[in-house]
Structures are given as structure tokens and as C-alpha cells.
Amino acid sequence: MIDEADSSLAAAARIAAEVDRSLPLAKEVETMFDRWRSPLLRYVLTLRLPVDEGEEVVQEVFLSLFKHLRRDGSRKNLHGWIFRVAHNLALKRRYAAVRQLQQPLADVLEDVHDLAPNPEHEFAMKQRQARLLSVVNALGEQDRCCLYLRAEGLRYREIAEVLGISLGGVALSLGRSLERLKNADGR
């Protein structure tokens, strides 16, 4: 009877120690979630996932991050790690469901408001945005992903790691995409 009580106390002590260890880690992951949730969601939406599935992917990413850090996983380049895990999870979901994006990229970009009071300027900006958006939508998946990841601040090396392509492939893809956008913009 005493051995059972001792083992129960030892188990309770192990659980308490794990909880004490996990609390600061949970706070750290929560802080990262607050910082990276929106950019990560925008990124997985460019992979043509519906918004609700994109939200689930983002949650899975941060759950994976918590588990990774709890196992004392590498903290080197967590920014790139988060985007790579999101990329892989999003592709798995998309291929499993064989779905197309239900909410077009235009809805995601709807948050961008033109504050210019001039109606002519507003009309011209909407035409420009539609023209550029059509170019982005016409890009191949790899080109679109490279462009978006670069816009999110990832370096070429990080983009190459996330997408599993060479640095030259990233440079070629970005150059091709930017040239198409420049031609469409006429500036």
C-alpha cells in the first residue's frame, strides 16, 4: 500500500514538474501565435485552402511548434520552420481533400483600403489591383508561393528550404513573377 502511495506521489510530482516546465513554453508559443497567425493564414490561403481549413492548419502548426520545443527541438530559424510546417500541412490537406480555394485571393486582399477621397484615383487603383491580382492568380503555384514568402520577409535560403527547391530556383521564380507584375503594371 505504501509503495502505491509513493509511486502515485512520484507520478504527481513528475506531472507537476512537466506542467511547471510547459507554462513558460506555452506563453512563448502564444506570443509567437499572436505575431505569426495572420501572415501564416494568408500564406496557407495562397495554397488554395478554404479559410476554415487554413485556420486549422495554423492551429496545427503552433501545436507542432509547442511539441517541437517541449522536446527541446532546434530553435534555429523558427520563422522559417513555422512557414515550412504550414506549407507541408496545407499541401497535405489540399491533396487529401482535392479542393480548390473557396475564397479567392481578392477577398483576402479586401482588407487593403484606399483612403484617397478622389473617386477617379480610387477607380484607377481598383483597376490596377484587379490587374495585378489576375497576374498573381495566373502564376504557377511555385511562383506564387515564392512571391508570397518573399513578401512575408523570408530570405531566399528560407524560401528554398520551405518549398524544397534550390536557391537558383527561388531567384528564377521571383524574377519571373516580378517581371510579369511589372509588365502588367506598366510602371
Protein backbone atom coordinates (compact mmCIF):
# COMPACT_ATOMS: atom_id res chain seq x y z
CA MET A 1 0.00 0.00 0.00
CA ILE A 2 2.84 2.38 0.85
CA ASP A 3 4.59 1.57 -2.47
CA GLU A 4 1.45 2.52 -4.37
CA ALA A 5 1.22 5.82 -2.49
CA ASP A 6 4.91 6.52 -3.17
CA SER A 7 4.50 5.76 -6.87
CA SER A 8 1.38 7.96 -7.01
CA LEU A 9 3.26 10.79 -5.34
CA ALA A 10 6.18 10.34 -7.73
CA ALA A 11 3.81 10.38 -10.72
CA ALA A 12 2.08 13.51 -9.40
CA ALA A 13 5.47 15.16 -8.87
CA ARG A 14 6.51 14.31 -12.47
CA ILE A 15 3.24 15.74 -13.81
CA ALA A 16 3.65 18.91 -11.71
CA ALA A 17 7.24 19.34 -12.96
CA GLU A 18 6.09 18.90 -16.57
CA VAL A 19 3.33 21.49 -16.09
CA ASP A 20 5.82 23.93 -14.49
CA ARG A 21 8.19 23.40 -17.43
CA SER A 22 5.40 23.79 -20.02
CA LEU A 23 3.89 27.04 -18.73
CA PRO A 24 6.68 29.39 -19.89
CA LEU A 25 6.89 27.47 -23.14
CA ALA A 26 3.13 27.81 -23.67
CA LYS A 27 3.43 31.58 -23.12
CA GLU A 28 6.28 31.76 -25.64
CA VAL A 29 4.29 29.84 -28.25
CA GLU A 30 1.24 32.00 -27.55
CA THR A 31 3.33 35.12 -28.21
CA MET A 32 4.57 33.62 -31.49
CA PHE A 33 0.99 32.68 -32.39
CA ASP A 34 -0.14 36.28 -31.89
CA ARG A 35 2.72 37.52 -34.08
CA TRP A 36 2.60 34.98 -36.92
CA ARG A 37 -1.04 33.86 -37.10
CA SER A 38 -2.17 36.37 -39.73
CA PRO A 39 0.84 36.07 -42.07
CA LEU A 40 0.69 32.28 -41.78
CA LEU A 41 -3.03 32.19 -42.54
CA ARG A 42 -2.56 34.45 -45.55
CA TYR A 43 0.19 32.14 -46.77
CA VAL A 44 -1.81 28.91 -46.47
CA LEU A 45 -4.70 30.63 -48.25
CA THR A 46 -2.40 31.26 -51.23
CA LEU A 47 -2.08 27.46 -51.39
CA ARG A 48 -5.79 27.41 -52.24
CA LEU A 49 -7.15 26.14 -48.94
CA PRO A 50 -10.55 27.25 -47.69
CA VAL A 51 -10.38 29.70 -44.79
CA ASP A 52 -11.68 27.25 -42.18
CA GLU A 53 -9.09 24.66 -43.16
CA GLY A 54 -6.42 27.35 -43.24
CA GLU A 55 -7.30 28.23 -39.65
CA GLU A 56 -6.96 24.57 -38.67
CA VAL A 57 -3.58 24.34 -40.37
CA VAL A 58 -2.37 27.41 -38.45
CA GLN A 59 -3.51 25.86 -35.17
CA GLU A 60 -1.78 22.58 -36.06
CA VAL A 61 1.43 24.47 -36.83
CA PHE A 62 1.54 26.05 -33.39
CA LEU A 63 0.62 22.80 -31.68
CA SER A 64 3.51 21.19 -33.57
CA LEU A 65 5.75 24.08 -32.55
CA PHE A 66 4.83 23.60 -28.89
CA LYS A 67 5.58 19.87 -29.11
CA HIS A 68 8.83 20.55 -31.00
CA LEU A 69 10.05 23.00 -28.37
CA ARG A 70 8.91 20.78 -25.50
CA ARG A 71 11.12 18.02 -26.93
CA ASP A 72 13.96 20.58 -26.89
CA GLY A 73 13.92 20.79 -30.69
CA SER A 74 16.12 23.26 -32.50
CA ARG A 75 15.25 26.93 -32.12
CA LYS A 76 17.33 27.88 -35.13
CA ASN A 77 15.23 29.83 -37.65
CA LEU A 78 11.81 29.22 -36.06
CA HIS A 79 10.34 31.74 -38.51
CA GLY A 80 11.29 29.54 -41.46
CA TRP A 81 10.36 26.38 -39.53
CA ILE A 82 6.84 27.69 -38.92
CA PHE A 83 6.30 28.51 -42.59
CA ARG A 84 7.72 25.17 -43.74
CA VAL A 85 5.44 23.20 -41.41
CA ALA A 86 2.48 25.32 -42.54
CA HIS A 87 3.37 24.71 -46.18
CA ASN A 88 3.60 20.95 -45.70
CA LEU A 89 0.41 20.69 -43.64
CA ALA A 90 -1.52 22.85 -46.10
CA LEU A 91 -0.42 20.75 -49.07
CA LYS A 92 -1.34 17.55 -47.23
CA ARG A 93 -4.82 18.92 -46.55
CA ARG A 94 -5.27 20.17 -50.08
CA TYR A 95 -4.17 16.94 -51.70
CA ALA A 96 -6.28 14.89 -49.29
CA ALA A 97 -9.42 16.92 -49.99
CA VAL A 98 -8.66 17.69 -53.68
CA ARG A 99 -10.33 21.07 -53.33
CA GLN A 100 -9.94 24.44 -54.86
CA LEU A 101 -9.71 27.61 -52.83
CA GLN A 102 -13.27 28.65 -51.99
CA GLN A 103 -12.38 32.16 -51.07
CA PRO A 104 -10.42 33.99 -53.78
CA LEU A 105 -7.32 35.92 -53.01
CA ALA A 106 -9.26 39.10 -53.74
CA ASP A 107 -11.26 38.58 -50.54
CA VAL A 108 -8.05 38.26 -48.54
CA LEU A 109 -6.79 41.49 -50.06
CA GLU A 110 -10.09 43.21 -49.25
CA ASP A 111 -8.52 44.43 -46.01
CA VAL A 112 -6.45 46.87 -48.06
CA HIS A 113 -8.38 50.11 -48.09
CA ASP A 114 -7.65 53.02 -50.36
CA LEU A 115 -8.15 56.11 -48.25
CA ALA A 116 -7.98 58.51 -51.20
CA PRO A 117 -11.16 60.60 -51.39
CA ASN A 118 -10.77 61.10 -55.15
CA PRO A 119 -13.18 58.72 -56.99
CA GLU A 120 -11.06 58.68 -60.17
CA HIS A 121 -7.97 57.72 -58.22
CA GLU A 122 -9.95 55.08 -56.34
CA PHE A 123 -11.26 53.61 -59.61
CA ALA A 124 -7.76 53.54 -61.14
CA MET A 125 -6.34 51.84 -58.03
CA LYS A 126 -9.06 49.17 -58.12
CA GLN A 127 -8.33 48.50 -61.80
CA ARG A 128 -4.61 48.26 -61.03
CA GLN A 129 -5.26 45.94 -58.08
CA ALA A 130 -7.51 43.71 -60.22
CA ARG A 131 -4.90 43.62 -62.99
CA LEU A 132 -2.09 42.68 -60.57
CA LEU A 133 -4.30 40.17 -58.78
CA SER A 134 -5.11 38.46 -62.07
CA VAL A 135 -1.37 38.18 -62.76
CA VAL A 136 -0.75 36.70 -59.30
CA ASN A 137 -3.63 34.24 -59.77
CA ALA A 138 -2.22 33.23 -63.17
CA LEU A 139 1.21 32.45 -61.71
CA GLY A 140 2.16 28.83 -61.18
CA GLU A 141 1.90 27.54 -57.64
CA GLN A 142 5.65 27.63 -57.01
CA ASP A 143 5.97 31.18 -58.35
CA ARG A 144 3.02 32.33 -56.24
CA CYS A 145 4.46 30.68 -53.11
CA CYS A 146 7.91 32.20 -53.68
CA LEU A 147 6.42 35.63 -54.21
CA TYR A 148 4.27 35.43 -51.11
CA LEU A 149 7.03 34.09 -48.86
CA ARG A 150 9.36 36.84 -50.05
CA ALA A 151 6.64 39.42 -49.33
CA GLU A 152 6.43 37.97 -45.81
CA GLY A 153 10.12 38.74 -45.33
CA LEU A 154 11.67 35.31 -45.77
CA ARG A 155 15.15 35.27 -47.29
CA TYR A 156 15.88 33.29 -50.46
CA ARG A 157 17.53 30.50 -48.46
CA GLU A 158 14.48 30.21 -46.17
CA ILE A 159 12.13 30.16 -49.17
CA ALA A 160 14.23 27.42 -50.74
CA GLU A 161 14.01 25.37 -47.53
CA VAL A 162 10.26 25.88 -47.16
CA LEU A 163 9.48 24.92 -50.76
CA GLY A 164 12.22 22.32 -51.13
CA ILE A 165 13.81 23.98 -54.19
CA SER A 166 17.25 25.38 -54.96
CA LEU A 167 18.34 28.97 -54.36
CA GLY A 168 18.59 29.39 -58.12
CA GLY A 169 15.01 28.14 -58.46
CA VAL A 170 13.86 30.75 -55.96
CA ALA A 171 15.72 33.52 -57.78
CA LEU A 172 14.36 32.41 -61.16
CA SER A 173 10.82 32.13 -59.84
CA LEU A 174 10.88 35.54 -58.16
CA GLY A 175 12.47 37.20 -61.18
CA ARG A 176 9.85 35.70 -63.48
CA SER A 177 6.98 36.71 -61.19
CA LEU A 178 8.22 40.24 -60.65
CA GLU A 179 8.76 40.72 -64.39
CA ARG A 180 5.15 39.65 -65.06
CA LEU A 181 3.86 42.02 -62.38
CA LYS A 182 5.99 44.86 -63.74
CA ASN A 183 4.70 44.28 -67.28
CA ALA A 184 1.09 44.16 -66.08
CA ASP A 185 1.54 47.30 -64.01
CA GLY A 186 3.05 49.30 -66.84
CA ARG A 187 5.18 51.34 -64.43
